[in-house]
Protein backbone atom coordinates (compact mmCIF):
# COMPACT_ATOMS: atom_id res chain seq x y z
CA MET A 1 -0.06 0.03 0.17
CA ASN A 2 1.24 3.37 -1.23
CA ALA A 3 1.25 6.57 0.80
CA SER A 4 -1.49 8.08 -1.03
CA GLU A 5 -3.70 4.81 -0.28
CA LEU A 6 -2.93 5.44 3.52
CA GLY A 7 -4.14 8.61 3.17
CA LEU A 8 -0.42 10.75 3.53
CA PRO A 9 0.42 13.19 4.03
CA MET A 10 -1.91 14.29 6.47
CA ALA A 11 -3.29 17.38 5.91
CA VAL A 12 -2.62 19.80 8.60
CA PRO A 13 -3.27 23.75 7.49
CA ALA A 14 -0.95 26.50 9.09
CA GLU A 15 -2.39 29.87 9.38
CA GLY A 16 -1.40 32.30 7.24
CA LEU A 17 -0.67 30.56 4.18
CA PRO A 18 -2.34 30.87 0.65
CA ALA A 19 -5.27 28.75 0.39
CA ARG A 20 -4.24 28.01 -3.40
CA VAL A 21 -0.83 27.49 -5.12
CA ARG A 22 -0.24 28.40 -8.71
CA ILE A 23 2.67 26.20 -9.88
CA HIS A 24 4.89 27.53 -12.70
CA GLU A 25 6.21 23.92 -13.91
CA VAL A 26 9.59 24.67 -15.83
CA GLY A 27 10.77 21.44 -16.24
CA ALA A 28 10.03 21.05 -20.03
CA ARG A 29 12.51 24.40 -20.33
CA ASP A 30 14.85 25.03 -17.68
CA GLY A 31 15.14 21.28 -16.87
CA LEU A 32 15.96 19.95 -20.22
CA GLN A 33 18.04 22.97 -21.37
CA ASN A 34 20.80 21.63 -18.86
CA GLU A 35 20.54 18.15 -20.37
CA LYS A 36 23.99 17.16 -22.25
CA GLN A 37 22.19 15.06 -24.54
CA THR A 38 19.68 16.62 -26.49
CA VAL A 39 16.34 15.19 -25.91
CA PRO A 40 13.97 14.28 -29.20
CA THR A 41 11.25 16.80 -30.00
CA ALA A 42 8.84 14.37 -30.01
CA VAL A 43 9.78 12.88 -26.28
CA LYS A 44 9.92 16.44 -25.47
CA ALA A 45 6.07 17.33 -26.56
CA GLU A 46 4.87 14.00 -25.01
CA PHE A 47 6.60 15.35 -21.54
CA VAL A 48 4.58 18.56 -22.12
CA ARG A 49 1.35 16.69 -22.90
CA ARG A 50 2.01 14.20 -19.64
CA LEU A 51 2.72 17.01 -17.77
CA ALA A 52 -0.94 18.69 -18.64
CA GLY A 53 -2.30 15.59 -17.79
CA THR A 54 -1.44 16.17 -14.36
CA GLY A 55 -3.37 19.20 -13.55
CA LEU A 56 -0.67 21.65 -14.01
CA THR A 57 -1.86 24.81 -15.31
CA THR A 58 1.29 26.61 -16.25
CA ILE A 59 3.85 24.83 -18.24
CA GLU A 60 6.78 26.57 -19.66
CA ALA A 61 7.59 25.01 -23.21
CA THR A 62 10.64 26.52 -24.48
CA SER A 63 12.91 29.05 -25.11
CA PHE A 64 13.28 31.28 -28.65
CA VAL A 65 17.12 31.88 -27.97
CA HIS A 66 19.69 31.62 -30.57
CA PRO A 67 20.70 27.96 -30.90
CA ALA A 68 24.06 28.50 -30.39
CA TRP A 69 23.31 29.75 -26.70
CA VAL A 70 21.14 26.84 -25.78
CA PRO A 71 21.18 23.87 -28.78
CA GLN A 72 19.09 21.66 -26.31
CA LEU A 73 16.12 24.09 -27.37
CA ALA A 74 16.93 24.67 -30.84
CA ASP A 75 13.84 23.26 -31.77
CA ALA A 76 11.48 25.77 -30.10
CA GLU A 77 9.61 26.52 -33.96
CA ASP A 78 8.67 22.36 -34.01
CA LEU A 79 8.27 22.15 -30.34
CA TYR A 80 5.44 24.79 -29.92
CA PRO A 81 3.27 24.07 -32.42
CA ALA A 82 3.15 20.20 -31.28
CA VAL A 83 1.90 21.56 -27.83
CA SER A 84 -0.03 24.60 -28.34
CA ASP A 85 -3.63 22.70 -28.79
CA LEU A 86 -3.41 21.98 -24.78
CA PRO A 87 -5.64 23.73 -22.61
CA VAL A 88 -2.83 25.04 -20.31
CA GLU A 89 -0.54 27.76 -20.12
CA LEU A 90 2.24 27.57 -22.09
CA PRO A 91 4.89 30.47 -21.57
CA VAL A 92 8.12 30.50 -23.53
CA LEU A 93 11.38 32.52 -23.02
CA VAL A 94 12.74 35.56 -25.29
CA PRO A 95 15.65 37.20 -24.97
CA ASN A 96 15.19 39.96 -27.30
CA GLU A 97 12.74 41.15 -30.12
CA ARG A 98 13.99 38.76 -32.42
CA GLY A 99 12.87 36.09 -29.87
CA LEU A 100 9.43 37.94 -29.48
CA ASP A 101 8.77 37.77 -33.48
CA ARG A 102 9.46 33.89 -33.36
CA ALA A 103 7.15 33.40 -30.09
CA LEU A 104 4.14 35.87 -31.60
CA ALA A 105 4.29 34.09 -35.12
CA LEU A 106 3.52 30.81 -33.47
CA GLY A 107 0.72 32.19 -31.38
CA ALA A 108 2.65 32.58 -28.04
CA ARG A 109 0.60 34.46 -25.63
CA ARG A 110 2.83 34.60 -22.30
CA VAL A 111 6.64 35.38 -22.65
CA ALA A 112 9.26 35.79 -20.31
CA VAL A 113 12.57 38.04 -20.24
CA PHE A 114 15.35 37.19 -18.05
CA ALA A 115 17.18 39.91 -16.26
CA SER A 116 20.10 39.72 -13.56
CA ALA A 117 20.09 41.46 -10.19
CA THR A 118 24.31 41.46 -10.51
CA GLU A 119 26.66 42.76 -13.32
CA SER A 120 28.60 39.68 -13.57
CA PHE A 121 26.00 37.14 -14.35
CA ALA A 122 24.56 39.83 -16.70
CA LYS A 123 27.82 39.80 -18.33
CA ALA A 124 28.07 35.74 -18.31
CA ASN A 125 24.54 35.24 -19.43
CA LEU A 126 23.49 38.36 -21.70
CA ASN A 127 26.89 40.05 -22.66
CA ARG A 128 25.53 42.92 -21.10
CA THR A 129 25.45 45.20 -17.71
CA VAL A 130 22.48 45.15 -15.94
CA ASP A 131 21.26 48.33 -17.44
CA GLU A 132 22.01 47.52 -20.79
CA ALA A 133 19.80 44.51 -20.68
CA LEU A 134 16.83 46.49 -19.11
CA VAL A 135 17.04 48.91 -22.00
CA MET A 136 17.30 45.70 -24.53
CA PHE A 137 14.13 44.46 -22.73
CA GLU A 138 11.75 47.60 -23.22
CA PRO A 139 11.12 47.09 -26.60
CA VAL A 140 10.16 43.54 -25.96
CA VAL A 141 8.02 44.02 -23.10
CA ALA A 142 6.08 47.18 -24.82
CA ARG A 143 5.62 44.85 -28.02
CA ALA A 144 4.53 42.16 -25.87
CA LYS A 145 1.96 43.95 -24.30
CA GLU A 146 0.79 45.99 -27.38
CA GLN A 147 -0.11 42.25 -28.39
CA GLY A 148 -1.87 41.89 -25.31
CA VAL A 149 0.67 39.32 -24.08
CA HIS A 150 1.41 38.39 -20.49
CA VAL A 151 5.05 39.25 -19.88
CA ARG A 152 6.75 37.63 -17.06
CA GLY A 153 10.50 38.68 -15.43
CA TYR A 154 12.66 36.41 -14.61
CA LEU A 155 15.37 38.13 -12.34
CA SER A 156 18.62 35.65 -11.51
CA MET A 157 21.10 35.95 -8.44
CA CYS A 158 18.48 37.61 -6.20
CA PHE A 159 20.24 35.89 -3.12
CA GLY A 160 23.96 35.27 -4.03
CA ASP A 161 26.25 35.33 -7.24
CA PRO A 162 29.27 32.91 -7.81
CA TRP A 163 31.61 35.75 -8.49
CA GLU A 164 30.42 38.83 -6.42
CA GLY A 165 29.15 36.93 -3.34
CA ALA A 166 26.06 38.19 -1.35
CA VAL A 167 23.70 40.42 -3.35
CA PRO A 168 22.61 43.40 -1.21
CA VAL A 169 18.85 43.50 -1.01
CA PRO A 170 18.40 47.12 -2.42
CA GLN A 171 19.91 45.94 -5.53
CA VAL A 172 17.68 43.40 -6.26
CA VAL A 173 14.70 45.63 -5.44
CA ARG A 174 15.73 48.29 -7.96
CA VAL A 175 15.97 45.64 -10.83
CA CYS A 176 12.45 44.28 -9.91
CA ARG A 177 11.13 47.47 -9.66
CA ALA A 178 12.46 48.58 -12.77
CA LEU A 179 11.04 45.44 -14.68
CA LEU A 180 7.82 46.12 -13.29
CA ASP A 181 7.71 49.69 -14.20
CA MET A 182 8.63 48.50 -17.48
CA GLY A 183 5.38 46.34 -17.64
CA CYS A 184 6.39 43.26 -16.87
CA ASP A 185 2.90 41.30 -15.21
CA GLU A 186 5.11 38.98 -12.92
CA LEU A 187 8.21 38.96 -11.29
CA SER A 188 10.32 35.61 -10.82
CA LEU A 189 12.76 36.06 -7.86
CA GLY A 190 15.41 33.49 -8.73
CA ASP A 191 17.87 31.92 -6.37
CA THR A 192 20.15 30.96 -8.89
CA ILE A 193 22.82 28.99 -7.05
CA GLY A 194 20.53 28.01 -4.28
CA VAL A 195 22.29 29.78 -1.46
CA ALA A 196 19.10 31.69 0.03
CA THR A 197 17.81 30.95 3.55
CA PRO A 198 14.50 31.53 5.04
CA GLY A 199 15.28 34.91 6.74
CA HIS A 200 16.89 36.16 3.54
CA VAL A 201 13.69 35.11 1.31
CA THR A 202 11.32 37.06 4.02
CA ALA A 203 13.83 40.50 4.12
CA LEU A 204 13.41 40.57 0.24
CA ILE A 205 9.92 40.12 0.04
CA ARG A 206 9.19 42.56 2.62
CA ALA A 207 11.58 45.07 0.91
CA LEU A 208 9.73 44.68 -2.40
CA THR A 209 6.58 44.99 -0.49
CA GLU A 210 7.76 48.43 0.67
CA ALA A 211 9.13 49.67 -2.57
CA GLY A 212 5.43 49.01 -3.86
CA VAL A 213 5.69 45.62 -5.87
CA PRO A 214 2.36 43.70 -5.06
CA VAL A 215 3.02 40.65 -3.50
CA PRO A 216 0.46 38.92 -5.99
CA ALA A 217 2.87 39.87 -8.68
CA LEU A 218 5.61 37.69 -7.39
CA GLY A 219 6.54 33.83 -7.78
CA VAL A 220 9.35 32.34 -6.53
CA HIS A 221 12.65 30.28 -8.13
CA PHE A 222 14.40 28.28 -5.65
CA HIS A 223 17.42 25.85 -6.86
CA ASP A 224 17.93 22.97 -3.77
CA THR A 225 21.95 23.25 -3.79
CA TYR A 226 22.18 23.59 -0.02
CA GLY A 227 18.95 21.69 0.51
CA GLN A 228 16.87 24.94 1.44
CA ALA A 229 14.44 25.19 -1.27
CA LEU A 230 11.31 24.15 0.47
CA SER A 231 12.18 25.67 3.38
CA ASN A 232 12.86 29.23 1.20
CA THR A 233 9.26 28.34 -0.31
CA LEU A 234 7.66 28.12 3.03
CA ALA A 235 9.28 31.17 3.62
CA ALA A 236 7.49 32.81 0.55
CA LEU A 237 4.05 31.32 1.33
CA GLN A 238 4.30 33.27 4.54
CA GLN A 239 4.39 36.51 2.97
CA GLY A 240 1.82 35.95 1.03
CA VAL A 241 3.33 34.72 -2.30
CA ALA A 242 1.04 32.09 -4.20
CA THR A 243 3.32 31.43 -7.05
CA VAL A 244 6.26 29.11 -7.23
CA ASP A 245 8.44 27.94 -9.87
CA ALA A 246 9.52 24.37 -9.98
CA SER A 247 10.44 21.41 -12.09
CA ALA A 248 9.01 17.88 -12.75
CA GLY A 249 11.25 15.15 -11.21
CA GLY A 250 13.62 18.21 -10.19
CA LEU A 251 15.36 18.61 -13.61
CA GLY A 252 18.07 21.43 -14.34
CA GLY A 253 20.23 23.76 -13.27
CA CYS A 254 21.91 26.91 -14.93
CA PRO A 255 24.20 26.33 -17.70
CA TYR A 256 25.83 29.80 -16.83
CA ALA A 257 26.48 29.02 -13.10
CA LYS A 258 28.01 25.65 -12.87
CA SER A 259 27.49 25.34 -9.13
CA ALA A 260 23.75 25.60 -9.30
CA THR A 261 21.87 22.05 -9.31
CA GLY A 262 18.75 21.04 -9.74
CA ASN A 263 15.51 23.01 -9.48
CA LEU A 264 12.81 22.55 -6.69
CA ALA A 265 11.25 18.95 -7.81
CA THR A 266 7.50 19.72 -8.26
CA GLU A 267 6.73 16.51 -6.63
CA ASP A 268 8.21 17.45 -3.45
CA LEU A 269 6.35 20.76 -3.68
CA VAL A 270 3.24 19.06 -3.95
CA TRP A 271 3.90 16.64 -1.08
CA MET A 272 4.48 20.01 1.17
CA LEU A 273 1.60 21.60 -0.10
CA ARG A 274 -0.87 18.81 0.41
CA GLY A 275 0.49 18.42 3.92
CA LEU A 276 -0.36 22.06 4.33
CA GLY A 277 -3.97 21.69 3.09
CA ILE A 278 -3.04 24.12 0.31
CA ASP A 279 -4.72 23.57 -3.28
CA THR A 280 -2.43 22.87 -6.44
CA GLY A 281 -4.81 20.91 -8.90
CA VAL A 282 -1.82 18.67 -9.47
CA ASP A 283 -2.54 15.00 -9.24
CA LEU A 284 0.63 13.72 -7.32
CA GLY A 285 0.50 10.18 -8.78
CA ARG A 286 0.18 11.22 -12.39
CA LEU A 287 3.14 13.69 -11.83
CA VAL A 288 5.49 10.97 -10.32
CA ALA A 289 4.85 8.32 -13.23
CA THR A 290 5.48 11.31 -15.58
CA SER A 291 8.85 12.06 -13.93
CA VAL A 292 9.56 8.15 -13.67
CA TRP A 293 9.01 8.11 -17.72
CA MET A 294 11.33 11.16 -18.50
CA ALA A 295 13.96 9.75 -16.01
CA ALA A 296 13.88 6.37 -18.12
CA HIS A 297 14.43 8.78 -21.45
CA LEU A 298 17.29 10.60 -19.67
CA GLY A 299 18.77 6.80 -18.44
CA ARG A 300 18.90 8.03 -14.71
CA PRO A 301 16.84 8.24 -11.81
CA SER A 302 14.97 11.18 -10.79
CA PRO A 303 16.83 13.51 -7.95
CA SER A 304 13.34 14.24 -6.44
CA ARG A 305 13.02 12.20 -2.86
CA THR A 306 9.28 12.17 -3.38
CA VAL A 307 9.20 10.49 -6.92
CA ARG A 308 11.92 8.10 -5.45
CA ALA A 309 9.97 7.29 -2.36
CA LEU A 310 6.50 6.91 -4.39
CA SER A 311 7.98 5.08 -7.39
CA HIS A 312 9.77 2.70 -5.01
CA GLN A 313 6.45 2.09 -2.99
CA GLU A 314 4.38 1.41 -6.21
CA GLN A 315 6.89 -1.07 -7.40
């Protein structure tokens, strides 16, 4: 008998947390872009379809970047039409106006730009300064909004940088404020190298609130490098954040930050939220099965503790 059949985890709500959390699933994009092997387009499409079948409502599909930057996502033009009929939101990353043109041509209705809170990472990732990158994004965001397209702003290195070390909270607030003023509908606070701790998360969200950034516009994106992703997520929930990025099976990292390990596993997140009595709309059994299926294609077991526990029980 598995955990679900035993009624586990037992739901014990905690005060002051959101009643529902929207999971922004990034496995098909942020996860697969970091694979050494190139995953066939048909397998990616099936992965997205299986993820949609779990009840996830937002599944980041791909990135319209130059193939030389991220060769694993060079098939964006083939993949997006193969999944665009799904009844879910399918955001895509666009680095510049050319990327936006490609996405709009295929009917994308949700796009994301990716900025940095630090100069070192902006140089490594975008070959620009922080402010030069913001200038580059202005026409992208403006044109997307003119088309009625939802825009997410990713902000990397919010909690620490592998070259610069600690990142001052006001520095992060400044770039967040710039992205919001530019027209971004939503911001994702990225702990790119996984060094955040709960007090730091709390302090940043409170500073953003004081700077006029509405909490409903915030999402969080944690990596589990030091085993802090779930505790950091709980700290964000306690501040009212109700959008959490996660990757099925814990796939992913960051190709420009070598110390970054996998994203927060969606299954581990769902297990915690279920135990807190927070609704996600996600069928955990189907999600685990999907990650086991993907892990078989990648030729290695999933790093997710919940996937390992539940798939072992079901064998």
